[in-house]
Amino acid sequence: MTDEFLELIRERIAVGLAREETKKAIEGWNRTALLVLKDGREYHFIVKDGNIMVEPGSVENPDMKIISDEDTIRKLFMEEMRAEVALLKRKLKIKGSTSDLMRIRKIF
């Protein structure tokens, strides 16, 4: 069974990695992030060696945790909504260091 949402995330990450701003934001950055959707699905991101990989499932001790719903995450990846707006509307919760939060905004 294919996960359409996972494929969308991977596609949008590839688009982001083509941008110079994204490359600079992740240069030398090694982090893990856990995305928890309100329907219970989880995805983990690994940022390492100038690349971003995403896989289904959890990861132990992530550097940051992102909690939201699929619709909001889709809008963020499709650049139909900015993270700041999602945070203000409480559609997105992010737990992590301030410096990580500033970097993640530049990735997508």
PDB file of N, CA and C in Angstrom:
ATOM      1  N   MET A   1       0.845  -1.182   0.000  1.00  0.00           N
ATOM      2  CA  MET A   1       0.000   0.000   0.000  1.00  0.00           C
ATOM      3  C   MET A   1       0.886   1.239   0.000  1.00  0.00           C
ATOM      4  N   THR A   2       0.567   2.161  -0.854  1.00  0.00           N
ATOM      5  CA  THR A   2       1.354   3.384  -0.942  1.00  0.00           C
ATOM      6  C   THR A   2       0.767   4.458  -0.030  1.00  0.00           C
ATOM      7  N   ASP A   3       1.626   5.269   0.502  1.00  0.00           N
ATOM      8  CA  ASP A   3       1.224   6.349   1.388  1.00  0.00           C
ATOM      9  C   ASP A   3       1.337   7.659   0.601  1.00  0.00           C
ATOM     10  N   GLU A   4       0.206   8.116   0.094  1.00  0.00           N
ATOM     11  CA  GLU A   4       0.161   9.325  -0.739  1.00  0.00           C
ATOM     12  C   GLU A   4       0.724  10.537   0.005  1.00  0.00           C
ATOM     13  N   PHE A   5       0.423  10.662   1.279  1.00  0.00           N
ATOM     14  CA  PHE A   5       0.897  11.779   2.078  1.00  0.00           C
ATOM     15  C   PHE A   5       2.426  11.747   2.199  1.00  0.00           C
ATOM     16  N   LEU A   6       2.990  10.568   2.439  1.00  0.00           N
ATOM     17  CA  LEU A   6       4.433  10.414   2.525  1.00  0.00           C
ATOM     18  C   LEU A   6       5.098  10.793   1.197  1.00  0.00           C
ATOM     19  N   GLU A   7       4.517  10.364   0.104  1.00  0.00           N
ATOM     20  CA  GLU A   7       5.071  10.703  -1.211  1.00  0.00           C
ATOM     21  C   GLU A   7       5.030  12.218  -1.461  1.00  0.00           C
ATOM     22  N   LEU A   8       3.954  12.871  -1.026  1.00  0.00           N
ATOM     23  CA  LEU A   8       3.871  14.328  -1.158  1.00  0.00           C
ATOM     24  C   LEU A   8       4.991  14.993  -0.362  1.00  0.00           C
ATOM     25  N   ILE A   9       5.202  14.547   0.866  1.00  0.00           N
ATOM     26  CA  ILE A   9       6.262  15.113   1.700  1.00  0.00           C
ATOM     27  C   ILE A   9       7.616  14.944   1.015  1.00  0.00           C
ATOM     28  N   ARG A  10       7.892  13.749   0.520  1.00  0.00           N
ATOM     29  CA  ARG A  10       9.178  13.490  -0.135  1.00  0.00           C
ATOM     30  C   ARG A  10       9.352  14.359  -1.375  1.00  0.00           C
ATOM     31  N   GLU A  11       8.289  14.510  -2.141  1.00  0.00           N
ATOM     32  CA  GLU A  11       8.334  15.349  -3.347  1.00  0.00           C
ATOM     33  C   GLU A  11       8.636  16.807  -2.986  1.00  0.00           C
ATOM     34  N   ARG A  12       7.962  17.314  -1.966  1.00  0.00           N
ATOM     35  CA  ARG A  12       8.158  18.709  -1.560  1.00  0.00           C
ATOM     36  C   ARG A  12       9.525  18.925  -0.918  1.00  0.00           C
ATOM     37  N   ILE A  13      10.062  17.911  -0.252  1.00  0.00           N
ATOM     38  CA  ILE A  13      11.421  18.010   0.284  1.00  0.00           C
ATOM     39  C   ILE A  13      12.414  18.140  -0.870  1.00  0.00           C
ATOM     40  N   ALA A  14      12.214  17.360  -1.922  1.00  0.00           N
ATOM     41  CA  ALA A  14      13.096  17.448  -3.096  1.00  0.00           C
ATOM     42  C   ALA A  14      13.051  18.846  -3.703  1.00  0.00           C
ATOM     43  N   VAL A  15      11.853  19.437  -3.767  1.00  0.00           N
ATOM     44  CA  VAL A  15      11.720  20.810  -4.268  1.00  0.00           C
ATOM     45  C   VAL A  15      12.486  21.762  -3.355  1.00  0.00           C
ATOM     46  N   GLY A  16      12.334  21.597  -2.050  1.00  0.00           N
ATOM     47  CA  GLY A  16      13.030  22.452  -1.096  1.00  0.00           C
ATOM     48  C   GLY A  16      14.536  22.319  -1.192  1.00  0.00           C
ATOM     49  N   LEU A  17      15.032  21.101  -1.374  1.00  0.00           N
ATOM     50  CA  LEU A  17      16.473  20.877  -1.447  1.00  0.00           C
ATOM     51  C   LEU A  17      17.099  21.459  -2.711  1.00  0.00           C
ATOM     52  N   ALA A  18      16.282  21.791  -3.697  1.00  0.00           N
ATOM     53  CA  ALA A  18      16.791  22.431  -4.913  1.00  0.00           C
ATOM     54  C   ALA A  18      17.062  23.921  -4.686  1.00  0.00           C
ATOM     55  N   ARG A  19      16.574  24.466  -3.586  1.00  0.00           N
ATOM     56  CA  ARG A  19      16.746  25.883  -3.285  1.00  0.00           C
ATOM     57  C   ARG A  19      18.053  26.133  -2.537  1.00  0.00           C
ATOM     58  N   GLU A  20      18.749  27.175  -2.925  1.00  0.00           N
ATOM     59  CA  GLU A  20      19.998  27.539  -2.257  1.00  0.00           C
ATOM     60  C   GLU A  20      19.770  27.875  -0.782  1.00  0.00           C
ATOM     61  N   GLU A  21      18.656  28.545  -0.472  1.00  0.00           N
ATOM     62  CA  GLU A  21      18.340  28.912   0.910  1.00  0.00           C
ATOM     63  C   GLU A  21      18.204  27.664   1.793  1.00  0.00           C
ATOM     64  N   THR A  22      17.588  26.636   1.256  1.00  0.00           N
ATOM     65  CA  THR A  22      17.428  25.388   2.006  1.00  0.00           C
ATOM     66  C   THR A  22      18.777  24.713   2.224  1.00  0.00           C
ATOM     67  N   LYS A  23      19.596  24.667   1.179  1.00  0.00           N
ATOM     68  CA  LYS A  23      20.917  24.056   1.296  1.00  0.00           C
ATOM     69  C   LYS A  23      21.736  24.739   2.381  1.00  0.00           C
ATOM     70  N   LYS A  24      21.689  26.060   2.410  1.00  0.00           N
ATOM     71  CA  LYS A  24      22.432  26.808   3.432  1.00  0.00           C
ATOM     72  C   LYS A  24      21.868  26.541   4.823  1.00  0.00           C
ATOM     73  N   ALA A  25      20.541  26.427   4.930  1.00  0.00           N
ATOM     74  CA  ALA A  25      19.897  26.222   6.234  1.00  0.00           C
ATOM     75  C   ALA A  25      20.277  24.885   6.859  1.00  0.00           C
ATOM     76  N   ILE A  26      20.492  23.854   6.038  1.00  0.00           N
ATOM     77  CA  ILE A  26      20.790  22.533   6.599  1.00  0.00           C
ATOM     78  C   ILE A  26      22.268  22.173   6.567  1.00  0.00           C
ATOM     79  N   GLU A  27      23.083  23.061   6.047  1.00  0.00           N
ATOM     80  CA  GLU A  27      24.524  22.798   5.984  1.00  0.00           C
ATOM     81  C   GLU A  27      25.083  22.544   7.390  1.00  0.00           C
ATOM     82  N   GLY A  28      25.691  21.393   7.574  1.00  0.00           N
ATOM     83  CA  GLY A  28      26.283  21.042   8.860  1.00  0.00           C
ATOM     84  C   GLY A  28      25.282  20.746   9.966  1.00  0.00           C
ATOM     85  N   TRP A  29      24.017  20.622   9.614  1.00  0.00           N
ATOM     86  CA  TRP A  29      22.937  20.426  10.591  1.00  0.00           C
ATOM     87  C   TRP A  29      22.556  18.960  10.618  1.00  0.00           C
ATOM     88  N   ASN A  30      22.645  18.336  11.752  1.00  0.00           N
ATOM     89  CA  ASN A  30      22.252  16.936  11.924  1.00  0.00           C
ATOM     90  C   ASN A  30      21.176  16.876  12.996  1.00  0.00           C
ATOM     91  N   ARG A  31      19.958  16.622  12.590  1.00  0.00           N
ATOM     92  CA  ARG A  31      18.833  16.615  13.522  1.00  0.00           C
ATOM     93  C   ARG A  31      17.828  15.541  13.127  1.00  0.00           C
ATOM     94  N   THR A  32      17.014  15.169  14.107  1.00  0.00           N
ATOM     95  CA  THR A  32      15.867  14.308  13.840  1.00  0.00           C
ATOM     96  C   THR A  32      14.621  15.057  14.288  1.00  0.00           C
ATOM     97  N   ALA A  33      13.552  14.833  13.565  1.00  0.00           N
ATOM     98  CA  ALA A  33      12.273  15.454  13.915  1.00  0.00           C
ATOM     99  C   ALA A  33      11.188  14.400  13.816  1.00  0.00           C
ATOM    100  N   LEU A  34      10.222  14.521  14.667  1.00  0.00           N
ATOM    101  CA  LEU A  34       9.080  13.615  14.663  1.00  0.00           C
ATOM    102  C   LEU A  34       7.829  14.421  14.365  1.00  0.00           C
ATOM    103  N   LEU A  35       7.119  14.027  13.319  1.00  0.00           N
ATOM    104  CA  LEU A  35       5.836  14.635  12.972  1.00  0.00           C
ATOM    105  C   LEU A  35       4.743  13.710  13.462  1.00  0.00           C
ATOM    106  N   VAL A  36       3.884  14.227  14.334  1.00  0.00           N
ATOM    107  CA  VAL A  36       2.759  13.458  14.869  1.00  0.00           C
ATOM    108  C   VAL A  36       1.486  14.106  14.369  1.00  0.00           C
ATOM    109  N   LEU A  37       0.724  13.350  13.573  1.00  0.00           N
ATOM    110  CA  LEU A  37      -0.550  13.859  13.078  1.00  0.00           C
ATOM    111  C   LEU A  37      -1.647  13.541  14.082  1.00  0.00           C
ATOM    112  N   LYS A  38      -2.660  14.375  14.103  1.00  0.00           N
ATOM    113  CA  LYS A  38      -3.743  14.205  15.082  1.00  0.00           C
ATOM    114  C   LYS A  38      -4.508  12.906  14.906  1.00  0.00           C
ATOM    115  N   ASP A  39      -4.402  12.279  13.705  1.00  0.00           N
ATOM    116  CA  ASP A  39      -5.083  10.992  13.503  1.00  0.00           C
ATOM    117  C   ASP A  39      -4.234   9.812  13.992  1.00  0.00           C
ATOM    118  N   GLY A  40      -3.047  10.114  14.564  1.00  0.00           N
ATOM    119  CA  GLY A  40      -2.207   9.076  15.137  1.00  0.00           C
ATOM    120  C   GLY A  40      -1.028   8.651  14.278  1.00  0.00           C
ATOM    121  N   ARG A  41      -1.017   9.020  13.011  1.00  0.00           N
ATOM    122  CA  ARG A  41       0.122   8.657  12.162  1.00  0.00           C
ATOM    123  C   ARG A  41       1.362   9.441  12.580  1.00  0.00           C
ATOM    124  N   GLU A  42       2.519   8.816  12.413  1.00  0.00           N
ATOM    125  CA  GLU A  42       3.779   9.465  12.750  1.00  0.00           C
ATOM    126  C   GLU A  42       4.778   9.278  11.604  1.00  0.00           C
ATOM    127  N   TYR A  43       5.599  10.292  11.407  1.00  0.00           N
ATOM    128  CA  TYR A  43       6.658  10.272  10.402  1.00  0.00           C
ATOM    129  C   TYR A  43       7.892  10.875  11.048  1.00  0.00           C
ATOM    130  N   HIS A  44       9.055  10.348  10.719  1.00  0.00           N
ATOM    131  CA  HIS A  44      10.267  10.955  11.254  1.00  0.00           C
ATOM    132  C   HIS A  44      11.153  11.448  10.115  1.00  0.00           C
ATOM    133  N   PHE A  45      11.802  12.565  10.401  1.00  0.00           N
ATOM    134  CA  PHE A  45      12.696  13.219   9.460  1.00  0.00           C
ATOM    135  C   PHE A  45      14.109  13.128  10.007  1.00  0.00           C
ATOM    136  N   ILE A  46      15.050  12.870   9.125  1.00  0.00           N
ATOM    137  CA  ILE A  46      16.458  12.882   9.493  1.00  0.00           C
ATOM    138  C   ILE A  46      17.158  13.880   8.570  1.00  0.00           C
ATOM    139  N   VAL A  47      17.726  14.904   9.170  1.00  0.00           N
ATOM    140  CA  VAL A  47      18.485  15.904   8.428  1.00  0.00           C
ATOM    141  C   VAL A  47      19.954  15.610   8.711  1.00  0.00           C
ATOM    142  N   LYS A  48      20.682  15.218   7.655  1.00  0.00           N
ATOM    143  CA  LYS A  48      22.075  14.814   7.851  1.00  0.00           C
ATOM    144  C   LYS A  48      22.822  14.903   6.521  1.00  0.00           C
ATOM    145  N   ASP A  49      24.043  15.378   6.583  1.00  0.00           N
ATOM    146  CA  ASP A  49      24.914  15.440   5.404  1.00  0.00           C
ATOM    147  C   ASP A  49      24.267  16.167   4.230  1.00  0.00           C
ATOM    148  N   GLY A  50      23.567  17.257   4.518  1.00  0.00           N
ATOM    149  CA  GLY A  50      22.958  18.059   3.462  1.00  0.00           C
ATOM    150  C   GLY A  50      21.746  17.429   2.803  1.00  0.00           C
ATOM    151  N   ASN A  51      21.154  16.466   3.444  1.00  0.00           N
ATOM    152  CA  ASN A  51      19.986  15.790   2.883  1.00  0.00           C
ATOM    153  C   ASN A  51      18.895  15.683   3.948  1.00  0.00           C
ATOM    154  N   ILE A  52      17.666  15.498   3.504  1.00  0.00           N
ATOM    155  CA  ILE A  52      16.537  15.301   4.413  1.00  0.00           C
ATOM    156  C   ILE A  52      15.816  14.032   3.978  1.00  0.00           C
ATOM    157  N   MET A  53      15.741  13.080   4.886  1.00  0.00           N
ATOM    158  CA  MET A  53      15.025  11.836   4.608  1.00  0.00           C
ATOM    159  C   MET A  53      13.799  11.786   5.507  1.00  0.00           C
ATOM    160  N   VAL A  54      12.726  11.220   5.007  1.00  0.00           N
ATOM    161  CA  VAL A  54      11.520  11.057   5.808  1.00  0.00           C
ATOM    162  C   VAL A  54      11.023   9.621   5.650  1.00  0.00           C
ATOM    163  N   GLU A  55      10.625   9.051   6.769  1.00  0.00           N
ATOM    164  CA  GLU A  55      10.124   7.675   6.793  1.00  0.00           C
ATOM    165  C   GLU A  55       8.906   7.618   7.705  1.00  0.00           C
ATOM    166  N   PRO A  56       8.028   6.659   7.484  1.00  0.00           N
ATOM    167  CA  PRO A  56       6.902   6.500   8.402  1.00  0.00           C
ATOM    168  C   PRO A  56       7.376   5.952   9.736  1.00  0.00           C
ATOM    169  N   GLY A  57       6.637   6.254  10.782  1.00  0.00           N
ATOM    170  CA  GLY A  57       6.946   5.722  12.102  1.00  0.00           C
ATOM    171  C   GLY A  57       7.659   6.728  12.979  1.00  0.00           C
ATOM    172  N   SER A  58       7.861   6.315  14.204  1.00  0.00           N
ATOM    173  CA  SER A  58       8.451   7.172  15.221  1.00  0.00           C
ATOM    174  C   SER A  58       9.971   7.072  15.205  1.00  0.00           C
ATOM    175  N   VAL A  59      10.594   7.894  16.026  1.00  0.00           N
ATOM    176  CA  VAL A  59      12.032   7.862  16.233  1.00  0.00           C
ATOM    177  C   VAL A  59      12.266   8.211  17.703  1.00  0.00           C
ATOM    178  N   GLU A  60      13.247   7.540  18.319  1.00  0.00           N
ATOM    179  CA  GLU A  60      13.520   7.808  19.731  1.00  0.00           C
ATOM    180  C   GLU A  60      14.245   9.136  19.907  1.00  0.00           C
ATOM    181  N   ASN A  61      13.876   9.862  20.934  1.00  0.00           N
ATOM    182  CA  ASN A  61      14.535  11.108  21.324  1.00  0.00           C
ATOM    183  C   ASN A  61      14.747  12.088  20.176  1.00  0.00           C
ATOM    184  N   PRO A  62      13.680  12.502  19.488  1.00  0.00           N
ATOM    185  CA  PRO A  62      13.859  13.462  18.393  1.00  0.00           C
ATOM    186  C   PRO A  62      14.328  14.817  18.934  1.00  0.00           C
ATOM    187  N   ASP A  63      15.059  15.540  18.099  1.00  0.00           N
ATOM    188  CA  ASP A  63      15.501  16.888  18.476  1.00  0.00           C
ATOM    189  C   ASP A  63      14.334  17.866  18.485  1.00  0.00           C
ATOM    190  N   MET A  64      13.329  17.579  17.660  1.00  0.00           N
ATOM    191  CA  MET A  64      12.128  18.411  17.666  1.00  0.00           C
ATOM    192  C   MET A  64      10.903  17.549  17.384  1.00  0.00           C
ATOM    193  N   LYS A  65       9.774  18.016  17.889  1.00  0.00           N
ATOM    194  CA  LYS A  65       8.508  17.304  17.700  1.00  0.00           C
ATOM    195  C   LYS A  65       7.513  18.286  17.114  1.00  0.00           C
ATOM    196  N   ILE A  66       6.858  17.866  16.044  1.00  0.00           N
ATOM    197  CA  ILE A  66       5.881  18.691  15.348  1.00  0.00           C
ATOM    198  C   ILE A  66       4.538  17.988  15.451  1.00  0.00           C
ATOM    199  N   ILE A  67       3.529  18.716  15.921  1.00  0.00           N
ATOM    200  CA  ILE A  67       2.193  18.146  16.086  1.00  0.00           C
ATOM    201  C   ILE A  67       1.224  18.990  15.271  1.00  0.00           C
ATOM    202  N   SER A  68       0.438  18.317  14.430  1.00  0.00           N
ATOM    203  CA  SER A  68      -0.522  19.037  13.590  1.00  0.00           C
ATOM    204  C   SER A  68      -1.496  18.033  12.980  1.00  0.00           C
ATOM    205  N   ASP A  69      -2.245  18.511  12.010  1.00  0.00           N
ATOM    206  CA  ASP A  69      -3.147  17.635  11.257  1.00  0.00           C
ATOM    207  C   ASP A  69      -2.663  17.576   9.809  1.00  0.00           C
ATOM    208  N   GLU A  70      -3.119  16.584   9.079  1.00  0.00           N
ATOM    209  CA  GLU A  70      -2.656  16.387   7.707  1.00  0.00           C
ATOM    210  C   GLU A  70      -2.930  17.601   6.834  1.00  0.00           C
ATOM    211  N   ASP A  71      -4.099  18.199   6.940  1.00  0.00           N
ATOM    212  CA  ASP A  71      -4.448  19.339   6.097  1.00  0.00           C
ATOM    213  C   ASP A  71      -3.475  20.502   6.286  1.00  0.00           C
ATOM    214  N   THR A  72      -3.144  20.814   7.528  1.00  0.00           N
ATOM    215  CA  THR A  72      -2.210  21.914   7.799  1.00  0.00           C
ATOM    216  C   THR A  72      -0.827  21.588   7.249  1.00  0.00           C
ATOM    217  N   ILE A  73      -0.352  20.379   7.462  1.00  0.00           N
ATOM    218  CA  ILE A  73       0.975  19.994   6.969  1.00  0.00           C
ATOM    219  C   ILE A  73       1.002  20.044   5.445  1.00  0.00           C
ATOM    220  N   ARG A  74      -0.065  19.573   4.806  1.00  0.00           N
ATOM    221  CA  ARG A  74      -0.145  19.669   3.335  1.00  0.00           C
ATOM    222  C   ARG A  74      -0.025  21.122   2.884  1.00  0.00           C
ATOM    223  N   LYS A  75      -0.760  22.014   3.541  1.00  0.00           N
ATOM    224  CA  LYS A  75      -0.720  23.431   3.172  1.00  0.00           C
ATOM    225  C   LYS A  75       0.673  24.014   3.373  1.00  0.00           C
ATOM    226  N   LEU A  76       1.349  23.611   4.428  1.00  0.00           N
ATOM    227  CA  LEU A  76       2.707  24.097   4.665  1.00  0.00           C
ATOM    228  C   LEU A  76       3.648  23.615   3.563  1.00  0.00           C
ATOM    229  N   PHE A  77       3.593  22.343   3.234  1.00  0.00           N
ATOM    230  CA  PHE A  77       4.464  21.803   2.201  1.00  0.00           C
ATOM    231  C   PHE A  77       4.142  22.363   0.818  1.00  0.00           C
ATOM    232  N   MET A  78       2.884  22.665   0.559  1.00  0.00           N
ATOM    233  CA  MET A  78       2.481  23.219  -0.736  1.00  0.00           C
ATOM    234  C   MET A  78       2.633  24.740  -0.778  1.00  0.00           C
ATOM    235  N   GLU A  79       3.139  25.305   0.308  1.00  0.00           N
ATOM    236  CA  GLU A  79       3.369  26.747   0.437  1.00  0.00           C
ATOM    237  C   GLU A  79       2.072  27.551   0.311  1.00  0.00           C
ATOM    238  N   GLU A  80       0.980  26.965   0.786  1.00  0.00           N
ATOM    239  CA  GLU A  80      -0.316  27.640   0.817  1.00  0.00           C
ATOM    240  C   GLU A  80      -0.555  28.299   2.170  1.00  0.00           C
ATOM    241  N   MET A  81       0.305  27.996   3.137  1.00  0.00           N
ATOM    242  CA  MET A  81       0.211  28.567   4.479  1.00  0.00           C
ATOM    243  C   MET A  81       1.625  28.682   5.023  1.00  0.00           C
ATOM    244  N   ARG A  82       1.867  29.752   5.750  1.00  0.00           N
ATOM    245  CA  ARG A  82       3.163  29.928   6.393  1.00  0.00           C
ATOM    246  C   ARG A  82       3.121  29.347   7.796  1.00  0.00           C
ATOM    247  N   ALA A  83       4.267  28.879   8.243  1.00  0.00           N
ATOM    248  CA  ALA A  83       4.348  28.264   9.572  1.00  0.00           C
ATOM    249  C   ALA A  83       3.907  29.228  10.662  1.00  0.00           C
ATOM    250  N   GLU A  84       4.244  30.509  10.509  1.00  0.00           N
ATOM    251  CA  GLU A  84       3.869  31.499  11.511  1.00  0.00           C
ATOM    252  C   GLU A  84       2.354  31.584  11.671  1.00  0.00           C
ATOM    253  N   VAL A  85       1.639  31.524  10.552  1.00  0.00           N
ATOM    254  CA  VAL A  85       0.176  31.578  10.575  1.00  0.00           C
ATOM    255  C   VAL A  85      -0.384  30.331  11.254  1.00  0.00           C
ATOM    256  N   ALA A  86       0.165  29.173  10.893  1.00  0.00           N
ATOM    257  CA  ALA A  86      -0.296  27.917  11.497  1.00  0.00           C
ATOM    258  C   ALA A  86      -0.051  27.918  13.004  1.00  0.00           C
ATOM    259  N   LEU A  87       1.086  28.460  13.419  1.00  0.00           N
ATOM    260  CA  LEU A  87       1.379  28.536  14.850  1.00  0.00           C
ATOM    261  C   LEU A  87       0.404  29.470  15.558  1.00  0.00           C
ATOM    262  N   LEU A  88       0.150  30.626  14.970  1.00  0.00           N
ATOM    263  CA  LEU A  88      -0.771  31.592  15.582  1.00  0.00           C
ATOM    264  C   LEU A  88      -2.194  31.045  15.678  1.00  0.00           C
ATOM    265  N   LYS A  89      -2.595  30.267  14.675  1.00  0.00           N
ATOM    266  CA  LYS A  89      -3.943  29.686  14.678  1.00  0.00           C
ATOM    267  C   LYS A  89      -4.003  28.399  15.500  1.00  0.00           C
ATOM    268  N   ARG A  90      -2.885  28.050  16.098  1.00  0.00           N
ATOM    269  CA  ARG A  90      -2.763  26.834  16.914  1.00  0.00           C
ATOM    270  C   ARG A  90      -3.065  25.558  16.137  1.00  0.00           C
ATOM    271  N   LYS A  91      -2.749  25.585  14.857  1.00  0.00           N
ATOM    272  CA  LYS A  91      -2.901  24.402  14.017  1.00  0.00           C
ATOM    273  C   LYS A  91      -1.584  23.632  13.930  1.00  0.00           C
ATOM    274  N   LEU A  92      -0.552  24.216  14.504  1.00  0.00           N
ATOM    275  CA  LEU A  92       0.778  23.637  14.467  1.00  0.00           C
ATOM    276  C   LEU A  92       1.456  23.888  15.807  1.00  0.00           C
ATOM    277  N   LYS A  93       2.005  22.818  16.377  1.00  0.00           N
ATOM    278  CA  LYS A  93       2.773  22.932  17.617  1.00  0.00           C
ATOM    279  C   LYS A  93       4.145  22.347  17.348  1.00  0.00           C
ATOM    280  N   ILE A  94       5.175  23.078  17.761  1.00  0.00           N
ATOM    281  CA  ILE A  94       6.536  22.611  17.556  1.00  0.00           C
ATOM    282  C   ILE A  94       7.275  22.703  18.880  1.00  0.00           C
ATOM    283  N   LYS A  95       7.906  21.596  19.247  1.00  0.00           N
ATOM    284  CA  LYS A  95       8.720  21.565  20.457  1.00  0.00           C
ATOM    285  C   LYS A  95      10.159  21.319  20.029  1.00  0.00           C
ATOM    286  N   GLY A  96      11.039  22.228  20.405  1.00  0.00           N
ATOM    287  CA  GLY A  96      12.443  22.100  20.051  1.00  0.00           C
ATOM    288  C   GLY A  96      13.173  23.366  20.441  1.00  0.00           C
ATOM    289  N   SER A  97      14.455  23.411  20.162  1.00  0.00           N
ATOM    290  CA  SER A  97      15.236  24.595  20.499  1.00  0.00           C
ATOM    291  C   SER A  97      14.866  25.758  19.579  1.00  0.00           C
ATOM    292  N   THR A  98      15.067  26.957  20.048  1.00  0.00           N
ATOM    293  CA  THR A  98      14.757  28.152  19.265  1.00  0.00           C
ATOM    294  C   THR A  98      15.576  28.190  17.980  1.00  0.00           C
ATOM    295  N   SER A  99      16.841  27.844  18.052  1.00  0.00           N
ATOM    296  CA  SER A  99      17.674  27.880  16.844  1.00  0.00           C
ATOM    297  C   SER A  99      17.201  26.847  15.818  1.00  0.00           C
ATOM    298  N   ASP A 100      16.763  25.670  16.282  1.00  0.00           N
ATOM    299  CA  ASP A 100      16.218  24.668  15.361  1.00  0.00           C
ATOM    300  C   ASP A 100      14.938  25.182  14.715  1.00  0.00           C
ATOM    301  N   LEU A 101      14.110  25.834  15.489  1.00  0.00           N
ATOM    302  CA  LEU A 101      12.853  26.364  14.959  1.00  0.00           C
ATOM    303  C   LEU A 101      13.107  27.417  13.885  1.00  0.00           C
ATOM    304  N   MET A 102      14.117  28.233  14.071  1.00  0.00           N
ATOM    305  CA  MET A 102      14.443  29.262  13.089  1.00  0.00           C
ATOM    306  C   MET A 102      14.951  28.617  11.788  1.00  0.00           C
ATOM    307  N   ARG A 103      15.717  27.569  11.912  1.00  0.00           N
ATOM    308  CA  ARG A 103      16.231  26.884  10.721  1.00  0.00           C
ATOM    309  C   ARG A 103      15.145  26.157   9.959  1.00  0.00           C
ATOM    310  N   ILE A 104      14.276  25.469  10.687  1.00  0.00           N
ATOM    311  CA  ILE A 104      13.258  24.654  10.022  1.00  0.00           C
ATOM    312  C   ILE A 104      12.333  25.508   9.153  1.00  0.00           C
ATOM    313  N   ARG A 105      12.133  26.760   9.550  1.00  0.00           N
ATOM    314  CA  ARG A 105      11.297  27.661   8.741  1.00  0.00           C
ATOM    315  C   ARG A 105      11.854  27.855   7.348  1.00  0.00           C
ATOM    316  N   LYS A 106      13.173  27.776   7.188  1.00  0.00           N
ATOM    317  CA  LYS A 106      13.822  28.016   5.897  1.00  0.00           C
ATOM    318  C   LYS A 106      13.878  26.763   5.022  1.00  0.00           C
ATOM    319  N   ILE A 107      13.570  25.639   5.606  1.00  0.00           N
ATOM    320  CA  ILE A 107      13.710  24.388   4.861  1.00  0.00           C
ATOM    321  C   ILE A 107      12.598  24.218   3.829  1.00  0.00           C
ATOM    322  N   PHE A 108      11.365  24.548   4.210  1.00  0.00           N
ATOM    323  CA  PHE A 108      10.255  24.339   3.301  1.00  0.00           C
ATOM    324  C   PHE A 108       9.660  25.655   2.908  1.00  0.00           C
TER     325      PHE A 108
END
